[in-house]
């Protein structure tokens, strides 16, 4: 790597770190900001059990992922990203909190995510910053201060969301078996499309209310 490229990479990392730091400060102080201040809307798609090279944008020449390709071409792709605990429950807690597993304590051995860790999760911080927050799909972990405590996934968390279409538990492929989205069963019998329909309803509701929103959709 020549010196110019190396310096550009260093400047980019510093700029990225500064941006993330300022963003987090903004979340924690957002409730004191003017209501007239414009906030960007956020839609977070989370796809389950997928390795880094399973889509075209990351070099797969066989898989066809046209919708993901469009999102990548019109947004930001992180070509260097790492998950220290790339497995279901632990990784979901990592994503929600931005913390490593040793900080969350959430995994198949120890059990639930602690309430303190959840209190600084991005949905909670965004809600404090004036966002309308929603969730749909598989939540994948419980929240409890009991060591090794287990409970229904999302049972505690759903009360921190303005819109909830999650669970129950691992969720079911058949829409009708998921109570929070059962009303979409006739039109969308497969849960993937039903969760999408619920997400669209949340977005429309938020727009009608004139409130900034963050929707997390965990397929």
Protein backbone atom coordinates (compact mmCIF):
# COMPACT_ATOMS: atom_id res chain seq x y z
CA UNK A 1 0.00 0.00 0.00
CA UNK A 2 1.55 3.36 -0.97
CA UNK A 3 1.78 6.26 1.49
CA UNK A 4 -1.06 8.30 -0.08
CA UNK A 5 -3.57 5.43 0.16
CA UNK A 6 -2.43 4.62 3.69
CA UNK A 7 -2.93 8.24 4.79
CA UNK A 8 -6.36 8.37 3.15
CA UNK A 9 -7.40 5.22 5.01
CA UNK A 10 -6.17 6.69 8.31
CA UNK A 11 -8.09 9.93 7.68
CA UNK A 12 -11.22 7.94 6.78
CA UNK A 13 -11.04 5.88 10.00
CA UNK A 14 -10.59 9.04 12.08
CA UNK A 15 -13.51 10.73 10.32
CA UNK A 16 -15.67 7.64 10.80
CA UNK A 17 -14.78 7.45 14.50
CA UNK A 18 -15.61 11.14 14.96
CA UNK A 19 -18.92 10.74 13.13
CA UNK A 20 -19.91 7.77 15.29
CA UNK A 21 -18.87 9.57 18.47
CA UNK A 22 -20.88 12.68 17.60
CA UNK A 23 -23.85 10.52 16.62
CA UNK A 24 -23.85 8.75 19.98
CA UNK A 25 -23.56 12.07 21.83
CA UNK A 26 -26.48 13.32 19.79
CA UNK A 27 -28.58 10.32 20.76
CA UNK A 28 -27.93 10.80 24.45
CA UNK A 29 -28.70 14.53 24.30
CA UNK A 30 -31.38 14.39 21.63
CA UNK A 31 -34.28 14.87 24.05
CA UNK A 32 -33.05 18.39 24.82
CA UNK A 33 -32.78 19.42 21.17
CA UNK A 34 -35.34 21.50 19.35
CA UNK A 35 -38.33 19.53 18.07
CA UNK A 36 -38.02 21.42 14.82
CA UNK A 37 -34.61 19.91 14.13
CA UNK A 38 -34.76 17.46 11.24
CA UNK A 39 -33.79 13.88 12.05
CA UNK A 40 -33.05 11.19 9.44
CA UNK A 41 -35.41 8.22 9.32
CA UNK A 42 -33.82 4.80 9.81
CA UNK A 43 -34.84 1.37 8.51
CA UNK A 44 -32.60 -1.45 9.71
CA UNK A 45 -32.83 -4.82 7.93
CA UNK A 46 -31.26 -7.77 9.72
CA UNK A 47 -30.91 -11.05 7.80
CA UNK A 48 -30.34 -14.20 9.82
CA UNK A 49 -27.66 -16.92 9.46
CA UNK A 50 -25.89 -15.39 6.50
CA UNK A 51 -22.12 -15.40 6.03
CA UNK A 52 -20.32 -12.38 4.62
CA UNK A 53 -19.94 -13.77 1.10
CA UNK A 54 -23.54 -14.82 0.41
CA UNK A 55 -24.43 -11.81 -1.71
CA UNK A 56 -23.19 -10.28 -4.92
CA UNK A 57 -21.83 -7.10 -3.34
CA UNK A 58 -19.30 -9.11 -1.38
CA UNK A 59 -18.06 -11.09 -4.34
CA UNK A 60 -20.46 -14.02 -4.69
CA UNK A 61 -20.78 -14.76 -8.42
CA UNK A 62 -23.58 -17.32 -8.05
CA UNK A 63 -26.13 -15.88 -5.59
CA UNK A 64 -28.75 -13.52 -6.98
CA UNK A 65 -29.53 -10.74 -4.49
CA UNK A 66 -31.00 -7.90 -6.60
CA UNK A 67 -32.78 -6.07 -3.78
CA UNK A 68 -29.73 -6.09 -1.53
CA UNK A 69 -27.62 -4.98 -4.51
CA UNK A 70 -29.84 -1.91 -4.99
CA UNK A 71 -29.60 -1.01 -1.30
CA UNK A 72 -25.82 -1.35 -1.42
CA UNK A 73 -25.42 0.70 -4.60
CA UNK A 74 -27.50 3.56 -3.16
CA UNK A 75 -26.11 3.45 0.36
CA UNK A 76 -23.00 2.54 2.30
CA UNK A 77 -21.29 -0.86 2.24
CA UNK A 78 -18.91 -1.71 5.06
CA UNK A 79 -16.25 -3.81 3.32
CA UNK A 80 -14.40 -4.38 6.59
CA UNK A 81 -16.69 -5.49 9.39
CA UNK A 82 -16.27 -7.94 12.22
CA UNK A 83 -18.49 -9.85 14.61
CA UNK A 84 -16.63 -11.44 17.47
CA UNK A 85 -19.57 -13.73 18.27
CA UNK A 86 -21.22 -14.57 14.97
CA UNK A 87 -24.00 -16.75 16.33
CA UNK A 88 -27.73 -16.11 16.72
CA UNK A 89 -28.52 -14.88 20.23
CA UNK A 90 -25.16 -13.31 21.12
CA UNK A 91 -24.79 -11.45 17.83
CA UNK A 92 -28.29 -9.97 18.14
CA UNK A 93 -27.42 -8.56 21.57
CA UNK A 94 -24.15 -7.22 20.14
CA UNK A 95 -26.00 -5.46 17.31
CA UNK A 96 -28.64 -3.95 19.61
CA UNK A 97 -26.14 -2.60 22.15
CA UNK A 98 -22.95 -2.06 20.14
CA UNK A 99 -21.11 -4.00 22.85
CA UNK A 100 -18.91 -7.09 22.77
CA UNK A 101 -20.26 -10.33 24.20
CA UNK A 102 -18.16 -10.07 27.37
CA UNK A 103 -19.95 -6.78 28.05
CA UNK A 104 -23.49 -7.95 27.29
CA UNK A 105 -23.15 -11.34 28.99
CA UNK A 106 -25.80 -12.58 26.59
CA UNK A 107 -25.22 -16.01 25.07
CA UNK A 108 -26.48 -19.59 25.19
CA UNK A 109 -24.48 -20.34 28.36
CA UNK A 110 -25.20 -17.26 30.49
CA UNK A 111 -28.67 -16.41 29.21
CA UNK A 112 -30.39 -13.05 29.04
CA UNK A 113 -29.19 -9.54 28.31
CA UNK A 114 -29.11 -7.36 31.44
CA UNK A 115 -31.52 -4.44 31.84
CA UNK A 116 -28.57 -2.02 32.22
CA UNK A 117 -27.14 -3.10 28.88
CA UNK A 118 -30.56 -2.89 27.24
CA UNK A 119 -31.04 0.66 28.58
CA UNK A 120 -28.27 1.85 26.24
CA UNK A 121 -29.43 -0.12 23.19
CA UNK A 122 -30.00 1.87 20.01
CA UNK A 123 -33.84 1.60 20.07
CA UNK A 124 -33.97 2.95 23.63
CA UNK A 125 -31.51 5.77 22.90
CA UNK A 126 -33.34 6.73 19.72
CA UNK A 127 -36.66 6.83 21.55
CA UNK A 128 -35.14 9.17 24.14
CA UNK A 129 -33.92 11.31 21.24
CA UNK A 130 -37.46 11.79 19.99
CA UNK A 131 -37.80 8.91 17.55
CA UNK A 132 -40.78 6.65 17.06
CA UNK A 133 -39.29 3.14 17.23
CA UNK A 134 -40.67 -0.10 15.83
CA UNK A 135 -39.66 -3.75 15.62
CA UNK A 136 -40.80 -6.69 13.52
CA UNK A 137 -39.52 -10.26 13.18
CA UNK A 138 -37.36 -12.47 15.36
CA UNK A 139 -36.05 -10.65 18.44
CA UNK A 140 -34.02 -13.65 19.53
CA UNK A 141 -33.08 -12.96 23.17
CA UNK A 142 -34.67 -12.17 26.52
CA UNK A 143 -33.87 -9.33 28.93
CA UNK A 144 -33.40 -10.11 32.61
CA UNK A 145 -30.98 -9.39 35.48
CA UNK A 146 -31.21 -12.97 36.68
CA UNK A 147 -28.00 -14.87 35.94
CA UNK A 148 -28.96 -17.49 33.40
CA UNK A 149 -32.50 -16.15 33.40
CA UNK A 150 -34.66 -17.03 30.44
CA UNK A 151 -37.98 -15.71 29.28
CA UNK A 152 -40.05 -15.11 26.21
CA UNK A 153 -37.92 -13.32 23.61
CA UNK A 154 -38.92 -9.67 23.47
CA UNK A 155 -41.28 -9.89 26.46
CA UNK A 156 -39.54 -7.01 28.24
CA UNK A 157 -38.25 -5.18 25.17
CA UNK A 158 -41.60 -4.77 23.44
CA UNK A 159 -42.70 -2.22 26.04
CA UNK A 160 -39.89 0.09 24.89
CA UNK A 161 -41.17 0.14 21.31
CA UNK A 162 -43.98 2.25 19.90
CA UNK A 163 -44.77 -0.48 17.40
CA UNK A 164 -44.24 -4.21 17.99
CA UNK A 165 -44.66 -7.03 15.47
CA UNK A 166 -42.09 -9.40 16.90
CA UNK A 167 -42.04 -13.04 17.92
CA UNK A 168 -43.21 -15.07 19.60
CA UNK A 169 -39.98 -16.91 20.39
CA UNK A 170 -38.19 -18.12 17.28
CA UNK A 171 -41.21 -17.07 15.15
CA UNK A 172 -42.98 -19.21 12.55
CA UNK A 173 -42.78 -19.20 8.77
CA UNK A 174 -46.58 -19.30 8.60
CA UNK A 175 -47.96 -15.82 9.24
CA UNK A 176 -51.09 -17.14 10.98
CA UNK A 177 -48.97 -18.68 13.75
CA UNK A 178 -47.44 -15.32 14.71
CA UNK A 179 -50.07 -13.39 16.74
CA UNK A 180 -48.57 -9.94 16.12
CA UNK A 181 -48.89 -10.26 12.33
CA UNK A 182 -51.77 -12.75 12.04
CA UNK A 183 -54.01 -10.06 10.53
CA UNK A 184 -51.87 -10.14 7.38
CA UNK A 185 -52.22 -13.92 6.92
CA UNK A 186 -54.87 -13.87 4.20
CA UNK A 187 -52.86 -11.57 1.95
CA UNK A 188 -49.36 -12.68 2.97
CA UNK A 189 -49.39 -16.30 4.24
CA UNK A 190 -45.57 -16.39 4.50
CA UNK A 191 -44.22 -14.37 7.42
CA UNK A 192 -41.42 -12.72 5.41
CA UNK A 193 -43.90 -10.67 3.38
CA UNK A 194 -46.18 -10.15 6.37
CA UNK A 195 -43.36 -8.57 8.38
CA UNK A 196 -42.69 -6.33 5.40
CA UNK A 197 -46.35 -5.28 5.31
CA UNK A 198 -46.28 -4.51 9.04
CA UNK A 199 -43.17 -2.40 8.49
CA UNK A 200 -44.86 -0.40 5.74
CA UNK A 201 -47.83 0.25 8.06
CA UNK A 202 -45.47 1.52 10.77
CA UNK A 203 -43.71 3.84 8.32
CA UNK A 204 -47.02 5.24 7.06
CA UNK A 205 -48.24 5.80 10.63
CA UNK A 206 -45.02 7.62 11.51
CA UNK A 207 -45.24 9.83 8.42
CA UNK A 208 -48.86 10.68 9.25
CA UNK A 209 -47.80 11.64 12.78
CA UNK A 210 -44.94 13.72 11.42
CA UNK A 211 -42.43 11.95 13.68
CA UNK A 212 -38.93 10.69 12.80
CA UNK A 213 -38.76 6.90 12.97
CA UNK A 214 -36.45 3.93 13.32
CA UNK A 215 -37.80 0.57 12.19
CA UNK A 216 -35.85 -2.61 12.88
CA UNK A 217 -36.89 -5.55 10.72
CA UNK A 218 -35.23 -8.83 11.68
CA UNK A 219 -36.06 -11.47 9.09
